[in-house]
Amino acid sequence: MAILTSMEDTVFFQKVRGGLVTGLYNQKEIWPIFGYEGESFSQGGYINRGFNDINWI
């Protein structure tokens, strides 16, 4: 953990992190695992849908 913490502000680490986050959220098949319901604009926005309905946070 100490090694990762010492690297977290580097350009390389941020590039890898960004790629992983984008890679995960671009796969609709795994959205239910994270509780992500997709974009909200077409469904009225997060305020109208309940932004606090994820039980694992």
Protein backbone atom coordinates (compact mmCIF):
# COMPACT_ATOMS: atom_id res chain seq x y z
CA MET A 1 0.00 0.00 0.00
CA ALA A 2 2.84 2.37 0.81
CA ILE A 3 4.33 1.85 -2.65
CA LEU A 4 1.04 2.63 -4.37
CA THR A 5 0.44 5.65 -2.16
CA SER A 6 3.86 7.03 -3.04
CA MET A 7 3.07 6.65 -6.76
CA GLU A 8 -0.51 7.92 -6.82
CA ASP A 9 0.36 11.45 -7.91
CA THR A 10 2.51 10.39 -10.87
CA VAL A 11 1.36 10.85 -14.46
CA PHE A 12 1.77 7.12 -15.10
CA PHE A 13 -0.40 6.09 -12.14
CA GLN A 14 -3.14 8.56 -13.03
CA LYS A 15 -3.11 7.36 -16.66
CA VAL A 16 -3.51 3.72 -15.57
CA ARG A 17 -6.19 4.64 -13.02
CA GLY A 18 -8.13 6.65 -15.59
CA GLY A 19 -7.98 3.82 -18.08
CA LEU A 20 -9.25 1.33 -15.54
CA VAL A 21 -12.15 3.51 -14.43
CA THR A 22 -13.16 4.25 -18.01
CA GLY A 23 -12.78 0.58 -18.92
CA LEU A 24 -15.08 -0.50 -16.11
CA TYR A 25 -17.80 2.05 -16.72
CA ASN A 26 -17.84 1.36 -20.46
CA GLN A 27 -18.99 -2.23 -19.87
CA LYS A 28 -22.75 -2.24 -19.30
CA GLU A 29 -22.69 -5.93 -18.31
CA ILE A 30 -20.88 -5.17 -15.03
CA TRP A 31 -22.82 -2.03 -14.05
CA PRO A 32 -25.17 -4.00 -11.76
CA ILE A 33 -22.19 -5.26 -9.75
CA PHE A 34 -21.25 -1.68 -8.87
CA GLY A 35 -24.81 -0.44 -8.54
CA TYR A 36 -24.30 1.94 -11.45
CA GLU A 37 -27.53 2.51 -13.36
CA GLY A 38 -26.01 4.44 -16.24
CA GLU A 39 -26.39 8.06 -17.17
CA SER A 40 -29.28 9.81 -15.50
CA PHE A 41 -30.07 12.76 -17.76
CA SER A 42 -32.48 10.82 -19.96
CA GLN A 43 -34.25 9.52 -16.84
CA GLY A 44 -34.76 12.85 -15.09
CA GLY A 45 -31.41 13.28 -13.37
CA TYR A 46 -30.04 11.94 -10.11
CA ILE A 47 -32.11 14.20 -7.89
CA ASN A 48 -35.34 12.76 -9.29
CA ARG A 49 -34.10 9.16 -9.25
CA GLY A 50 -32.54 8.96 -5.78
CA PHE A 51 -28.82 9.56 -5.66
CA ASN A 52 -28.46 7.74 -2.32
CA ASP A 53 -30.03 4.39 -3.22
CA ILE A 54 -26.76 2.41 -3.41
CA ASN A 55 -26.52 0.26 -0.30
CA TRP A 56 -22.78 -0.56 -0.44
CA ILE A 57 -21.50 3.00 0.00
